[in-house]
Amino acid sequence: MDKMILTKRKSRAIAAVLAFSGILPISGLHKFYLGQPLWGIVYVLLSWTPIPKVASAIEGVWYLTQEEETFDRHFNLGESATKASPPVGNQVESVANALRELEALRQDGLISEYEFEQKRRQMLDQI
């Protein structure tokens, strides 16, 4: 059951709506939806400050302005809703490229070690 929830395709529109709802008293719902529970907890804990409200608004705009492929690469492990599954050789190559990008995000401090490991395991399960 948990695996099914983690691998369910994320919607860019829903993520944006949840991010904009962060302007209300409780911020961070979009982080839980996108599979980033640690960031969600940070947003909830800081919801008494304006920081998560501003961050949520910025992220909502970011979700709406980015291409669908970019959103899929970040939050759906590169899986597009319109594309068919690539052949196994291409799939391994795309997972390897996604892992390199994920490692770069971790090294830049944009994702935590926990988030990195969680996404890495999901990607390797695709092979």
C-alpha atoms as a PDB file:
ATOM      1  CA  MET A   1       0.000   0.000   0.000  1.00  0.00           C
ATOM      2  CA  ASP A   2       2.774   2.481   0.917  1.00  0.00           C
ATOM      3  CA  LYS A   3       4.658   1.702  -2.282  1.00  0.00           C
ATOM      4  CA  MET A   4       1.525   2.387  -4.312  1.00  0.00           C
ATOM      5  CA  ILE A   5       1.192   5.818  -2.709  1.00  0.00           C
ATOM      6  CA  LEU A   6       4.855   6.656  -3.336  1.00  0.00           C
ATOM      7  CA  THR A   7       4.737   5.650  -7.001  1.00  0.00           C
ATOM      8  CA  LYS A   8       1.413   7.312  -7.853  1.00  0.00           C
ATOM      9  CA  ARG A   9       1.832   9.982 -10.513  1.00  0.00           C
ATOM     10  CA  LYS A  10       1.872  13.546  -9.168  1.00  0.00           C
ATOM     11  CA  SER A  11      -0.151  16.312 -10.836  1.00  0.00           C
ATOM     12  CA  ARG A  12       1.479  19.669 -11.463  1.00  0.00           C
ATOM     13  CA  ALA A  13      -1.868  21.476 -11.052  1.00  0.00           C
ATOM     14  CA  ILE A  14      -2.635  19.818  -7.710  1.00  0.00           C
ATOM     15  CA  ALA A  15       0.869  20.606  -6.458  1.00  0.00           C
ATOM     16  CA  ALA A  16       0.394  24.263  -7.444  1.00  0.00           C
ATOM     17  CA  VAL A  17      -3.021  24.495  -5.745  1.00  0.00           C
ATOM     18  CA  LEU A  18      -1.622  22.945  -2.569  1.00  0.00           C
ATOM     19  CA  ALA A  19       1.360  25.308  -2.680  1.00  0.00           C
ATOM     20  CA  PHE A  20      -0.923  28.333  -3.019  1.00  0.00           C
ATOM     21  CA  SER A  21      -3.023  27.018  -0.129  1.00  0.00           C
ATOM     22  CA  GLY A  22       0.162  27.447   1.927  1.00  0.00           C
ATOM     23  CA  ILE A  23      -0.633  31.138   2.048  1.00  0.00           C
ATOM     24  CA  LEU A  24      -3.378  30.115   4.487  1.00  0.00           C
ATOM     25  CA  PRO A  25      -2.552  29.263   8.130  1.00  0.00           C
ATOM     26  CA  ILE A  26      -0.980  25.843   7.417  1.00  0.00           C
ATOM     27  CA  SER A  27       1.820  25.617   4.879  1.00  0.00           C
ATOM     28  CA  GLY A  28       3.578  22.599   3.423  1.00  0.00           C
ATOM     29  CA  LEU A  29       0.726  20.442   2.124  1.00  0.00           C
ATOM     30  CA  HIS A  30       2.313  20.417  -1.328  1.00  0.00           C
ATOM     31  CA  LYS A  31       5.530  18.995   0.150  1.00  0.00           C
ATOM     32  CA  PHE A  32       3.641  16.030   1.627  1.00  0.00           C
ATOM     33  CA  TYR A  33       1.850  15.524  -1.702  1.00  0.00           C
ATOM     34  CA  LEU A  34       5.122  15.553  -3.638  1.00  0.00           C
ATOM     35  CA  GLY A  35       6.727  12.961  -1.362  1.00  0.00           C
ATOM     36  CA  GLN A  36       8.909  15.331   0.653  1.00  0.00           C
ATOM     37  CA  PRO A  37       7.551  14.806   4.179  1.00  0.00           C
ATOM     38  CA  LEU A  38      10.574  16.287   5.968  1.00  0.00           C
ATOM     39  CA  TRP A  39      10.139  19.580   4.119  1.00  0.00           C
ATOM     40  CA  GLY A  40       6.415  19.398   4.842  1.00  0.00           C
ATOM     41  CA  ILE A  41       7.122  19.123   8.565  1.00  0.00           C
ATOM     42  CA  VAL A  42       9.547  22.062   8.388  1.00  0.00           C
ATOM     43  CA  TYR A  43       6.883  24.168   6.662  1.00  0.00           C
ATOM     44  CA  VAL A  44       4.267  23.216   9.266  1.00  0.00           C
ATOM     45  CA  LEU A  45       6.630  23.955  12.158  1.00  0.00           C
ATOM     46  CA  LEU A  46       7.494  27.351  10.698  1.00  0.00           C
ATOM     47  CA  SER A  47       3.913  28.189   9.698  1.00  0.00           C
ATOM     48  CA  TRP A  48       3.715  30.878  12.385  1.00  0.00           C
ATOM     49  CA  THR A  49       6.375  32.824  10.401  1.00  0.00           C
ATOM     50  CA  PRO A  50       5.985  34.281   6.907  1.00  0.00           C
ATOM     51  CA  ILE A  51       8.833  32.132   5.525  1.00  0.00           C
ATOM     52  CA  PRO A  52       6.822  29.065   4.420  1.00  0.00           C
ATOM     53  CA  LYS A  53       4.009  31.252   3.096  1.00  0.00           C
ATOM     54  CA  VAL A  54       6.391  33.127   0.809  1.00  0.00           C
ATOM     55  CA  ALA A  55       8.175  29.903  -0.173  1.00  0.00           C
ATOM     56  CA  SER A  56       4.828  28.207  -0.922  1.00  0.00           C
ATOM     57  CA  ALA A  57       3.729  31.073  -3.150  1.00  0.00           C
ATOM     58  CA  ILE A  58       7.046  31.016  -5.033  1.00  0.00           C
ATOM     59  CA  GLU A  59       6.851  27.244  -5.454  1.00  0.00           C
ATOM     60  CA  GLY A  60       3.247  27.474  -6.676  1.00  0.00           C
ATOM     61  CA  VAL A  61       4.319  29.893  -9.398  1.00  0.00           C
ATOM     62  CA  TRP A  62       7.308  27.646 -10.177  1.00  0.00           C
ATOM     63  CA  TYR A  63       5.074  24.579 -10.596  1.00  0.00           C
ATOM     64  CA  LEU A  64       2.749  26.461 -12.950  1.00  0.00           C
ATOM     65  CA  THR A  65       5.473  28.024 -15.078  1.00  0.00           C
ATOM     66  CA  GLN A  66       7.669  24.999 -15.631  1.00  0.00           C
ATOM     67  CA  GLU A  67       7.189  22.575 -18.493  1.00  0.00           C
ATOM     68  CA  GLU A  68       5.319  19.346 -17.787  1.00  0.00           C
ATOM     69  CA  GLU A  69       8.485  17.373 -18.629  1.00  0.00           C
ATOM     70  CA  THR A  70      10.484  19.351 -16.069  1.00  0.00           C
ATOM     71  CA  PHE A  71       7.874  18.722 -13.402  1.00  0.00           C
ATOM     72  CA  ASP A  72       7.853  15.016 -14.287  1.00  0.00           C
ATOM     73  CA  ARG A  73      11.643  14.877 -14.080  1.00  0.00           C
ATOM     74  CA  HIS A  74      11.595  16.397 -10.584  1.00  0.00           C
ATOM     75  CA  PHE A  75       8.549  14.764  -9.040  1.00  0.00           C
ATOM     76  CA  ASN A  76       7.516  11.771 -11.170  1.00  0.00           C
ATOM     77  CA  LEU A  77      10.954  10.220 -11.631  1.00  0.00           C
ATOM     78  CA  GLY A  78      10.977  11.389 -15.224  1.00  0.00           C
ATOM     79  CA  GLU A  79       7.832   9.460 -16.152  1.00  0.00           C
ATOM     80  CA  SER A  80       5.579  11.433 -18.452  1.00  0.00           C
ATOM     81  CA  ALA A  81       1.868  10.694 -18.578  1.00  0.00           C
ATOM     82  CA  THR A  82       1.853  10.760 -22.382  1.00  0.00           C
ATOM     83  CA  LYS A  83       4.977   8.748 -23.165  1.00  0.00           C
ATOM     84  CA  ALA A  84       5.106   4.988 -23.443  1.00  0.00           C
ATOM     85  CA  SER A  85       7.696   3.017 -21.496  1.00  0.00           C
ATOM     86  CA  PRO A  86      11.102   3.165 -23.168  1.00  0.00           C
ATOM     87  CA  PRO A  87      12.937  -0.033 -24.075  1.00  0.00           C
ATOM     88  CA  VAL A  88      14.930  -1.553 -21.216  1.00  0.00           C
ATOM     89  CA  GLY A  89      18.286  -0.206 -22.490  1.00  0.00           C
ATOM     90  CA  ASN A  90      16.930   3.327 -22.725  1.00  0.00           C
ATOM     91  CA  GLN A  91      15.249   2.929 -19.345  1.00  0.00           C
ATOM     92  CA  VAL A  92      18.537   2.036 -17.664  1.00  0.00           C
ATOM     93  CA  GLU A  93      20.216   4.983 -19.357  1.00  0.00           C
ATOM     94  CA  SER A  94      17.456   7.392 -18.331  1.00  0.00           C
ATOM     95  CA  VAL A  95      17.549   6.138 -14.726  1.00  0.00           C
ATOM     96  CA  ALA A  96      21.335   6.552 -14.715  1.00  0.00           C
ATOM     97  CA  ASN A  97      20.963  10.143 -15.971  1.00  0.00           C
ATOM     98  CA  ALA A  98      18.260  10.844 -13.401  1.00  0.00           C
ATOM     99  CA  LEU A  99      20.500   9.463 -10.653  1.00  0.00           C
ATOM    100  CA  ARG A 100      23.300  11.799 -11.773  1.00  0.00           C
ATOM    101  CA  GLU A 101      20.915  14.753 -11.622  1.00  0.00           C
ATOM    102  CA  LEU A 102      19.659  13.631  -8.231  1.00  0.00           C
ATOM    103  CA  GLU A 103      23.240  13.392  -6.940  1.00  0.00           C
ATOM    104  CA  ALA A 104      23.908  16.916  -8.208  1.00  0.00           C
ATOM    105  CA  LEU A 105      20.844  18.183  -6.312  1.00  0.00           C
ATOM    106  CA  ARG A 106      22.082  16.453  -3.150  1.00  0.00           C
ATOM    107  CA  GLN A 107      25.590  17.878  -3.515  1.00  0.00           C
ATOM    108  CA  ASP A 108      24.155  21.367  -4.061  1.00  0.00           C
ATOM    109  CA  GLY A 109      22.157  20.984  -0.838  1.00  0.00           C
ATOM    110  CA  LEU A 110      18.801  21.269  -2.584  1.00  0.00           C
ATOM    111  CA  ILE A 111      17.603  17.919  -1.243  1.00  0.00           C
ATOM    112  CA  SER A 112      18.424  16.146   1.978  1.00  0.00           C
ATOM    113  CA  GLU A 113      20.264  12.854   2.300  1.00  0.00           C
ATOM    114  CA  TYR A 114      16.962  11.197   3.246  1.00  0.00           C
ATOM    115  CA  GLU A 115      15.168  12.563   0.170  1.00  0.00           C
ATOM    116  CA  PHE A 116      18.102  11.513  -2.022  1.00  0.00           C
ATOM    117  CA  GLU A 117      18.063   7.958  -0.702  1.00  0.00           C
ATOM    118  CA  GLN A 118      14.274   7.716  -1.010  1.00  0.00           C
ATOM    119  CA  LYS A 119      14.266   8.871  -4.652  1.00  0.00           C
ATOM    120  CA  ARG A 120      17.336   6.755  -5.476  1.00  0.00           C
ATOM    121  CA  ARG A 121      15.586   3.611  -4.259  1.00  0.00           C
ATOM    122  CA  GLN A 122      12.459   4.470  -6.250  1.00  0.00           C
ATOM    123  CA  MET A 123      14.534   4.948  -9.392  1.00  0.00           C
ATOM    124  CA  LEU A 124      16.438   1.708  -8.951  1.00  0.00           C
ATOM    125  CA  ASP A 125      13.158  -0.160  -8.446  1.00  0.00           C
ATOM    126  CA  GLN A 126      12.194   0.875 -11.987  1.00  0.00           C
ATOM    127  CA  ILE A 127      15.009  -1.127 -13.550  1.00  0.00           C
END
